[in-house]
Amino acid sequence: MENETQTSADALETPHEEKDKSKKKDSLMGSLFSSTPNPPLVGDLVEGSVIGVTKDAVYVNLPPFGTGIIFGREYLNSRDVIKKINIGDNVAGKVIEIANKDGYIEISLKEARQALLWSEAEIYIKNKTPLELVIADANRGGLILEWQGIQGFLPASQLKTEHYPRVNDGNKDKILEELKKLVGQKISVSIISVLPKEGKMIFSEKDPEQKNKDEIVDKYSLGDEIEGEITGIVDFGIFIKIEEGLEGLVHISEIDWSLVEDPRSLYNLGDKVKVKIIDIKDGKISLSIKALKENPWMSAEKRYKKDNIVQGVVIKFNKHGALASIEEGIAGLVHVSEFGNETALRQKLELGKTYAFKISLFDPKERRMALSFVE
């Protein structure tokens, strides 16, 4: 009966109305396809509204992927927060299991809060945000501080002159005595490095800005090759101290010709590195390490041409497909469209495995290469 009623209603529509309806439908479908995000993966942060709270679980609506659940150990770890949660509240969680035996997406409030704090710390590093923190403790190497429940370390070398322990013979016990005198005091510091996986955070008391910074910057020009000390390492690159009061950033894309996933795997705080100045703008200096190395794409022009069959190692997946390394510093993209979808691509190609590919596009000047999988 319901179907008959619907059919009758459709029959009454004019051709003009049918055309408008068709346009709206196409527009809606296009909007859905363009706006629907990828399904969450383990480790992703998700946000949704609370649709149910019981004595041992919290249920969170995560459209269009389903329902999230906080239970078991995760429920116990966050019970203080859960006490204040009501139905309809928005909460953020970190995915710890995509689909459990009951079909729920398991999420953690505690891990989400930690992840958000680490992200906030990264922003503080970038902006050199000052923080007023109380010195909690001291050891022979420096001071212990706490920020948002995360314990961090302030090396003695990052103390201002007035707080640096003045010990003539370098006796570590005497240094510790001097540092202990600072416990309980509030000082202004900034975060200079974080290691989320290890739960480590490094602070500095040294003033990141100086009044005569412009005068210092004017001493340098594009193309200058200099040596500096690494003072901060973040996901997007490394900070280099050029001289007292002046730092420059080596963006992750300027570290090496090869793909760099984590700058921390290549460098440590205090390392001395040679860099080249590639940009000076608004008192900020951009640096490059790879600019001092030979560009492998230039010599690759002699070895590779379109339609060549080459061997490549799959080194990364992204939303566009898979990245395969042909040699050190030379990589090409295998587009996901070849396989239909990302799942099919990952079934055919595995990280770290070597496969045969055909070069479908090669532009060494633009450092671009497209590859096609050879069965």
Foldseek 3Di string as FASTA:
>chain_A
DVVVVVVVVVVPDDPVRVVVVVVVVVVVVVVCVVPPDDQDDQFDKAKFFWADDDPFKTWGAGPPLGIEMQGDPLCVVCVVVVVPDDGGDMAMWGFHARQPPVGHGYTHRVVRVLVVVVVVLLVQQVVVPKDWWAFAAAALQATWTDDPNQIEGEGLVQEPPVQRQDDDVSDSVSRRVSRRVRHGPIAIWTWAEDDSVVSYTYIHRDDLADPCLVVVLVVDDAFDKAKFFFRHFDQQFTWTDRDVNAIATEGQVQEALAHDRGVVVPDDGGDMAIWGFHDADPSYTYIHRHVVPDQPLVVCVVVDDAFDKAKWAFADADQQATWTARDGSAIAGEGQVLQPHHVSRCVVHPHGDMFIWGWHDRDSVVSYTHTYGDD
